[in-house]
Amino acid sequence: MANSIVRMVLGASAWLLSHTRNNIQNWLLSTQWRRMPPDEGDIPGIYPDARMEKDGYMALNAQGAAHV
């Protein structure tokens, strides 16, 4: 009997932890991460690997873009 109560309490706490948001998740939701406004066309994209990121950076740098 006590063993099943302990399992229920641990299961309920694990479920609650998996459904609560942490500070980083709240911040990302508040900033609407990676949602670009329609009039912003010069925001660089996200690249899947470092080589593509570097190529994109070099192309942006060659166009005379400002560093942030």
PDB file of N, CA and C in Angstrom:
ATOM      1  N   MET A   1       0.820  -1.200   0.000  1.00  0.00           N
ATOM      2  CA  MET A   1       0.000   0.000   0.000  1.00  0.00           C
ATOM      3  C   MET A   1       0.862   1.261   0.000  1.00  0.00           C
ATOM      4  N   ALA A   2       1.836   1.324   0.907  1.00  0.00           N
ATOM      5  CA  ALA A   2       2.718   2.497   0.978  1.00  0.00           C
ATOM      6  C   ALA A   2       3.577   2.601  -0.275  1.00  0.00           C
ATOM      7  N   ASN A   3       3.954   1.458  -0.835  1.00  0.00           N
ATOM      8  CA  ASN A   3       4.764   1.437  -2.035  1.00  0.00           C
ATOM      9  C   ASN A   3       4.013   2.055  -3.218  1.00  0.00           C
ATOM     10  N   SER A   4       2.722   1.762  -3.333  1.00  0.00           N
ATOM     11  CA  SER A   4       1.947   2.321  -4.436  1.00  0.00           C
ATOM     12  C   SER A   4       1.724   3.822  -4.260  1.00  0.00           C
ATOM     13  N   ILE A   5       1.623   4.289  -3.012  1.00  0.00           N
ATOM     14  CA  ILE A   5       1.475   5.723  -2.766  1.00  0.00           C
ATOM     15  C   ILE A   5       2.754   6.458  -3.150  1.00  0.00           C
ATOM     16  N   VAL A   6       3.881   5.870  -2.825  1.00  0.00           N
ATOM     17  CA  VAL A   6       5.165   6.472  -3.182  1.00  0.00           C
ATOM     18  C   VAL A   6       5.291   6.540  -4.702  1.00  0.00           C
ATOM     19  N   ARG A   7       4.896   5.493  -5.397  1.00  0.00           N
ATOM     20  CA  ARG A   7       4.944   5.498  -6.861  1.00  0.00           C
ATOM     21  C   ARG A   7       4.028   6.567  -7.441  1.00  0.00           C
ATOM     22  N   MET A   8       2.851   6.739  -6.866  1.00  0.00           N
ATOM     23  CA  MET A   8       1.922   7.756  -7.362  1.00  0.00           C
ATOM     24  C   MET A   8       2.490   9.157  -7.145  1.00  0.00           C
ATOM     25  N   VAL A   9       3.087   9.394  -5.982  1.00  0.00           N
ATOM     26  CA  VAL A   9       3.658  10.713  -5.694  1.00  0.00           C
ATOM     27  C   VAL A   9       4.830  10.997  -6.621  1.00  0.00           C
ATOM     28  N   LEU A  10       5.707  10.022  -6.807  1.00  0.00           N
ATOM     29  CA  LEU A  10       6.845  10.216  -7.716  1.00  0.00           C
ATOM     30  C   LEU A  10       6.395  10.391  -9.159  1.00  0.00           C
ATOM     31  N   GLY A  11       5.409   9.620  -9.570  1.00  0.00           N
ATOM     32  CA  GLY A  11       4.881   9.756 -10.928  1.00  0.00           C
ATOM     33  C   GLY A  11       4.229  11.104 -11.152  1.00  0.00           C
ATOM     34  N   ALA A  12       3.458  11.562 -10.163  1.00  0.00           N
ATOM     35  CA  ALA A  12       2.805  12.870 -10.282  1.00  0.00           C
ATOM     36  C   ALA A  12       3.831  13.996 -10.315  1.00  0.00           C
ATOM     37  N   SER A  13       4.860  13.899  -9.490  1.00  0.00           N
ATOM     38  CA  SER A  13       5.881  14.950  -9.499  1.00  0.00           C
ATOM     39  C   SER A  13       6.678  14.944 -10.799  1.00  0.00           C
ATOM     40  N   ALA A  14       6.959  13.776 -11.352  1.00  0.00           N
ATOM     41  CA  ALA A  14       7.648  13.710 -12.641  1.00  0.00           C
ATOM     42  C   ALA A  14       6.787  14.307 -13.746  1.00  0.00           C
ATOM     43  N   TRP A  15       5.495  14.043 -13.714  1.00  0.00           N
ATOM     44  CA  TRP A  15       4.596  14.601 -14.719  1.00  0.00           C
ATOM     45  C   TRP A  15       4.533  16.122 -14.595  1.00  0.00           C
ATOM     46  N   LEU A  16       4.447  16.629 -13.365  1.00  0.00           N
ATOM     47  CA  LEU A  16       4.407  18.078 -13.168  1.00  0.00           C
ATOM     48  C   LEU A  16       5.691  18.751 -13.638  1.00  0.00           C
ATOM     49  N   LEU A  17       6.829  18.135 -13.347  1.00  0.00           N
ATOM     50  CA  LEU A  17       8.104  18.697 -13.793  1.00  0.00           C
ATOM     51  C   LEU A  17       8.212  18.728 -15.313  1.00  0.00           C
ATOM     52  N   SER A  18       7.663  17.721 -15.974  1.00  0.00           N
ATOM     53  CA  SER A  18       7.760  17.688 -17.432  1.00  0.00           C
ATOM     54  C   SER A  18       6.824  18.688 -18.107  1.00  0.00           C
ATOM     55  N   HIS A  19       5.836  19.196 -17.374  1.00  0.00           N
ATOM     56  CA  HIS A  19       4.889  20.132 -17.959  1.00  0.00           C
ATOM     57  C   HIS A  19       5.060  21.569 -17.478  1.00  0.00           C
ATOM     58  N   THR A  20       6.063  21.829 -16.667  1.00  0.00           N
ATOM     59  CA  THR A  20       6.318  23.203 -16.237  1.00  0.00           C
ATOM     60  C   THR A  20       7.422  23.787 -17.104  1.00  0.00           C
ATOM     61  N   ARG A  21       7.394  25.088 -17.290  1.00  0.00           N
ATOM     62  CA  ARG A  21       8.391  25.768 -18.112  1.00  0.00           C
ATOM     63  C   ARG A  21       9.487  26.336 -17.219  1.00  0.00           C
ATOM     64  N   ASN A  22      10.694  26.308 -17.738  1.00  0.00           N
ATOM     65  CA  ASN A  22      11.793  26.922 -16.995  1.00  0.00           C
ATOM     66  C   ASN A  22      12.010  28.350 -17.510  1.00  0.00           C
ATOM     67  N   ASN A  23      12.969  29.055 -16.935  1.00  0.00           N
ATOM     68  CA  ASN A  23      13.200  30.456 -17.292  1.00  0.00           C
ATOM     69  C   ASN A  23      13.598  30.627 -18.755  1.00  0.00           C
ATOM     70  N   ILE A  24      14.388  29.716 -19.291  1.00  0.00           N
ATOM     71  CA  ILE A  24      14.820  29.822 -20.682  1.00  0.00           C
ATOM     72  C   ILE A  24      13.635  29.639 -21.624  1.00  0.00           C
ATOM     73  N   GLN A  25      12.776  28.669 -21.350  1.00  0.00           N
ATOM     74  CA  GLN A  25      11.598  28.468 -22.186  1.00  0.00           C
ATOM     75  C   GLN A  25      10.687  29.685 -22.144  1.00  0.00           C
ATOM     76  N   ASN A  26      10.501  30.272 -20.983  1.00  0.00           N
ATOM     77  CA  ASN A  26       9.673  31.475 -20.868  1.00  0.00           C
ATOM     78  C   ASN A  26      10.287  32.635 -21.640  1.00  0.00           C
ATOM     79  N   TRP A  27      11.612  32.782 -21.579  1.00  0.00           N
ATOM     80  CA  TRP A  27      12.279  33.858 -22.302  1.00  0.00           C
ATOM     81  C   TRP A  27      12.136  33.669 -23.808  1.00  0.00           C
ATOM     82  N   LEU A  28      12.338  32.436 -24.293  1.00  0.00           N
ATOM     83  CA  LEU A  28      12.199  32.184 -25.723  1.00  0.00           C
ATOM     84  C   LEU A  28      10.780  32.458 -26.200  1.00  0.00           C
ATOM     85  N   LEU A  29       9.801  32.073 -25.410  1.00  0.00           N
ATOM     86  CA  LEU A  29       8.420  32.354 -25.788  1.00  0.00           C
ATOM     87  C   LEU A  29       8.131  33.850 -25.764  1.00  0.00           C
ATOM     88  N   SER A  30       8.701  34.563 -24.801  1.00  0.00           N
ATOM     89  CA  SER A  30       8.423  36.000 -24.708  1.00  0.00           C
ATOM     90  C   SER A  30       9.076  36.775 -25.851  1.00  0.00           C
ATOM     91  N   THR A  31      10.197  36.294 -26.363  1.00  0.00           N
ATOM     92  CA  THR A  31      10.853  36.991 -27.465  1.00  0.00           C
ATOM     93  C   THR A  31      10.420  36.462 -28.824  1.00  0.00           C
ATOM     94  N   GLN A  32       9.561  35.464 -28.835  1.00  0.00           N
ATOM     95  CA  GLN A  32       9.088  34.833 -30.077  1.00  0.00           C
ATOM     96  C   GLN A  32      10.293  34.493 -30.957  1.00  0.00           C
ATOM     97  N   TRP A  33      11.143  33.640 -30.424  1.00  0.00           N
ATOM     98  CA  TRP A  33      12.427  33.285 -31.006  1.00  0.00           C
ATOM     99  C   TRP A  33      12.333  32.913 -32.473  1.00  0.00           C
ATOM    100  N   ARG A  34      13.154  33.530 -33.295  1.00  0.00           N
ATOM    101  CA  ARG A  34      13.319  33.307 -34.729  1.00  0.00           C
ATOM    102  C   ARG A  34      12.068  33.617 -35.542  1.00  0.00           C
ATOM    103  N   ARG A  35      11.178  34.426 -35.035  1.00  0.00           N
ATOM    104  CA  ARG A  35      10.066  34.914 -35.843  1.00  0.00           C
ATOM    105  C   ARG A  35      10.475  36.278 -36.377  1.00  0.00           C
ATOM    106  N   MET A  36      10.657  36.348 -37.690  1.00  0.00           N
ATOM    107  CA  MET A  36      11.118  37.580 -38.293  1.00  0.00           C
ATOM    108  C   MET A  36       9.926  38.432 -38.726  1.00  0.00           C
ATOM    109  N   PRO A  37       9.992  39.739 -38.485  1.00  0.00           N
ATOM    110  CA  PRO A  37       8.950  40.617 -38.986  1.00  0.00           C
ATOM    111  C   PRO A  37       8.937  40.592 -40.518  1.00  0.00           C
ATOM    112  N   PRO A  38       7.780  40.816 -41.141  1.00  0.00           N
ATOM    113  CA  PRO A  38       7.691  40.724 -42.606  1.00  0.00           C
ATOM    114  C   PRO A  38       8.591  41.708 -43.346  1.00  0.00           C
ATOM    115  N   ASP A  39       8.891  42.870 -42.755  1.00  0.00           N
ATOM    116  CA  ASP A  39       9.704  43.863 -43.458  1.00  0.00           C
ATOM    117  C   ASP A  39      11.205  43.693 -43.213  1.00  0.00           C
ATOM    118  N   GLU A  40      11.609  42.678 -42.481  1.00  0.00           N
ATOM    119  CA  GLU A  40      13.026  42.422 -42.205  1.00  0.00           C
ATOM    120  C   GLU A  40      13.527  41.325 -43.126  1.00  0.00           C
ATOM    121  N   GLY A  41      14.144  41.680 -44.229  1.00  0.00           N
ATOM    122  CA  GLY A  41      14.613  40.677 -45.174  1.00  0.00           C
ATOM    123  C   GLY A  41      16.093  40.377 -45.086  1.00  0.00           C
ATOM    124  N   ASP A  42      16.844  41.187 -44.320  1.00  0.00           N
ATOM    125  CA  ASP A  42      18.299  41.006 -44.287  1.00  0.00           C
ATOM    126  C   ASP A  42      18.787  40.234 -43.076  1.00  0.00           C
ATOM    127  N   ILE A  43      17.890  39.569 -42.351  1.00  0.00           N
ATOM    128  CA  ILE A  43      18.289  38.762 -41.201  1.00  0.00           C
ATOM    129  C   ILE A  43      18.814  37.418 -41.712  1.00  0.00           C
ATOM    130  N   PRO A  44      20.044  37.049 -41.364  1.00  0.00           N
ATOM    131  CA  PRO A  44      20.584  35.775 -41.861  1.00  0.00           C
ATOM    132  C   PRO A  44      19.851  34.571 -41.273  1.00  0.00           C
ATOM    133  N   GLY A  45      19.840  33.498 -42.027  1.00  0.00           N
ATOM    134  CA  GLY A  45      19.164  32.287 -41.591  1.00  0.00           C
ATOM    135  C   GLY A  45      19.991  31.457 -40.638  1.00  0.00           C
ATOM    136  N   ILE A  46      19.426  30.367 -40.180  1.00  0.00           N
ATOM    137  CA  ILE A  46      20.138  29.427 -39.322  1.00  0.00           C
ATOM    138  C   ILE A  46      20.694  28.325 -40.216  1.00  0.00           C
ATOM    139  N   TYR A  47      21.965  28.015 -40.070  1.00  0.00           N
ATOM    140  CA  TYR A  47      22.610  27.014 -40.896  1.00  0.00           C
ATOM    141  C   TYR A  47      22.801  25.723 -40.098  1.00  0.00           C
ATOM    142  N   PRO A  48      22.659  24.569 -40.759  1.00  0.00           N
ATOM    143  CA  PRO A  48      22.736  23.299 -40.037  1.00  0.00           C
ATOM    144  C   PRO A  48      24.136  22.883 -39.592  1.00  0.00           C
ATOM    145  N   ASP A  49      25.183  23.411 -40.208  1.00  0.00           N
ATOM    146  CA  ASP A  49      26.526  23.020 -39.765  1.00  0.00           C
ATOM    147  C   ASP A  49      27.473  24.227 -39.819  1.00  0.00           C
ATOM    148  N   ALA A  50      28.655  24.052 -39.255  1.00  0.00           N
ATOM    149  CA  ALA A  50      29.606  25.154 -39.113  1.00  0.00           C
ATOM    150  C   ALA A  50      30.124  25.641 -40.463  1.00  0.00           C
ATOM    151  N   ARG A  51      30.301  24.739 -41.414  1.00  0.00           N
ATOM    152  CA  ARG A  51      30.811  25.140 -42.733  1.00  0.00           C
ATOM    153  C   ARG A  51      29.826  26.069 -43.432  1.00  0.00           C
ATOM    154  N   MET A  52      28.554  25.715 -43.401  1.00  0.00           N
ATOM    155  CA  MET A  52      27.539  26.551 -44.033  1.00  0.00           C
ATOM    156  C   MET A  52      27.405  27.889 -43.298  1.00  0.00           C
ATOM    157  N   GLU A  53      27.553  27.868 -41.975  1.00  0.00           N
ATOM    158  CA  GLU A  53      27.505  29.103 -41.196  1.00  0.00           C
ATOM    159  C   GLU A  53      28.658  30.022 -41.592  1.00  0.00           C
ATOM    160  N   LYS A  54      29.859  29.447 -41.734  1.00  0.00           N
ATOM    161  CA  LYS A  54      31.022  30.245 -42.113  1.00  0.00           C
ATOM    162  C   LYS A  54      30.879  30.780 -43.526  1.00  0.00           C
ATOM    163  N   ASP A  55      30.392  29.967 -44.462  1.00  0.00           N
ATOM    164  CA  ASP A  55      30.185  30.430 -45.839  1.00  0.00           C
ATOM    165  C   ASP A  55      29.181  31.579 -45.884  1.00  0.00           C
ATOM    166  N   GLY A  56      28.109  31.459 -45.113  1.00  0.00           N
ATOM    167  CA  GLY A  56      27.120  32.532 -45.051  1.00  0.00           C
ATOM    168  C   GLY A  56      27.686  33.806 -44.454  1.00  0.00           C
ATOM    169  N   TYR A  57      28.511  33.650 -43.422  1.00  0.00           N
ATOM    170  CA  TYR A  57      29.139  34.805 -42.791  1.00  0.00           C
ATOM    171  C   TYR A  57      30.102  35.481 -43.762  1.00  0.00           C
ATOM    172  N   MET A  58      30.909  34.694 -44.460  1.00  0.00           N
ATOM    173  CA  MET A  58      31.863  35.265 -45.408  1.00  0.00           C
ATOM    174  C   MET A  58      31.137  35.979 -46.551  1.00  0.00           C
ATOM    175  N   ALA A  59      30.036  35.406 -47.032  1.00  0.00           N
ATOM    176  CA  ALA A  59      29.265  36.051 -48.094  1.00  0.00           C
ATOM    177  C   ALA A  59      28.656  37.361 -47.593  1.00  0.00           C
ATOM    178  N   LEU A  60      28.178  37.370 -46.366  1.00  0.00           N
ATOM    179  CA  LEU A  60      27.605  38.578 -45.789  1.00  0.00           C
ATOM    180  C   LEU A  60      28.690  39.631 -45.587  1.00  0.00           C
ATOM    181  N   ASN A  61      29.855  39.194 -45.158  1.00  0.00           N
ATOM    182  CA  ASN A  61      30.978  40.099 -44.941  1.00  0.00           C
ATOM    183  C   ASN A  61      31.468  40.675 -46.277  1.00  0.00           C
ATOM    184  N   ALA A  62      31.445  39.875 -47.320  1.00  0.00           N
ATOM    185  CA  ALA A  62      31.901  40.342 -48.634  1.00  0.00           C
ATOM    186  C   ALA A  62      30.956  41.405 -49.202  1.00  0.00           C
ATOM    187  N   GLN A  63      29.708  41.391 -48.784  1.00  0.00           N
ATOM    188  CA  GLN A  63      28.747  42.396 -49.260  1.00  0.00           C
ATOM    189  C   GLN A  63      28.887  43.714 -48.502  1.00  0.00           C
ATOM    190  N   GLY A  64      29.727  43.742 -47.503  1.00  0.00           N
ATOM    191  CA  GLY A  64      29.933  44.964 -46.733  1.00  0.00           C
ATOM    192  C   GLY A  64      28.961  45.160 -45.605  1.00  0.00           C
ATOM    193  N   ALA A  65      28.434  44.060 -45.086  1.00  0.00           N
ATOM    194  CA  ALA A  65      27.471  44.156 -43.988  1.00  0.00           C
ATOM    195  C   ALA A  65      28.174  44.569 -42.710  1.00  0.00           C
ATOM    196  N   ALA A  66      27.429  45.244 -41.842  1.00  0.00           N
ATOM    197  CA  ALA A  66      27.983  45.680 -40.568  1.00  0.00           C
ATOM    198  C   ALA A  66      28.028  44.517 -39.587  1.00  0.00           C
ATOM    199  N   HIS A  67      29.066  44.492 -38.755  1.00  0.00           N
ATOM    200  CA  HIS A  67      29.173  43.473 -37.714  1.00  0.00           C
ATOM    201  C   HIS A  67      28.319  43.865 -36.526  1.00  0.00           C
ATOM    202  N   VAL A  68      27.725  42.879 -35.898  1.00  0.00           N
ATOM    203  CA  VAL A  68      26.886  43.162 -34.732  1.00  0.00           C
ATOM    204  C   VAL A  68      27.666  42.920 -33.477  1.00  0.00           C
TER     205      VAL A  68
END
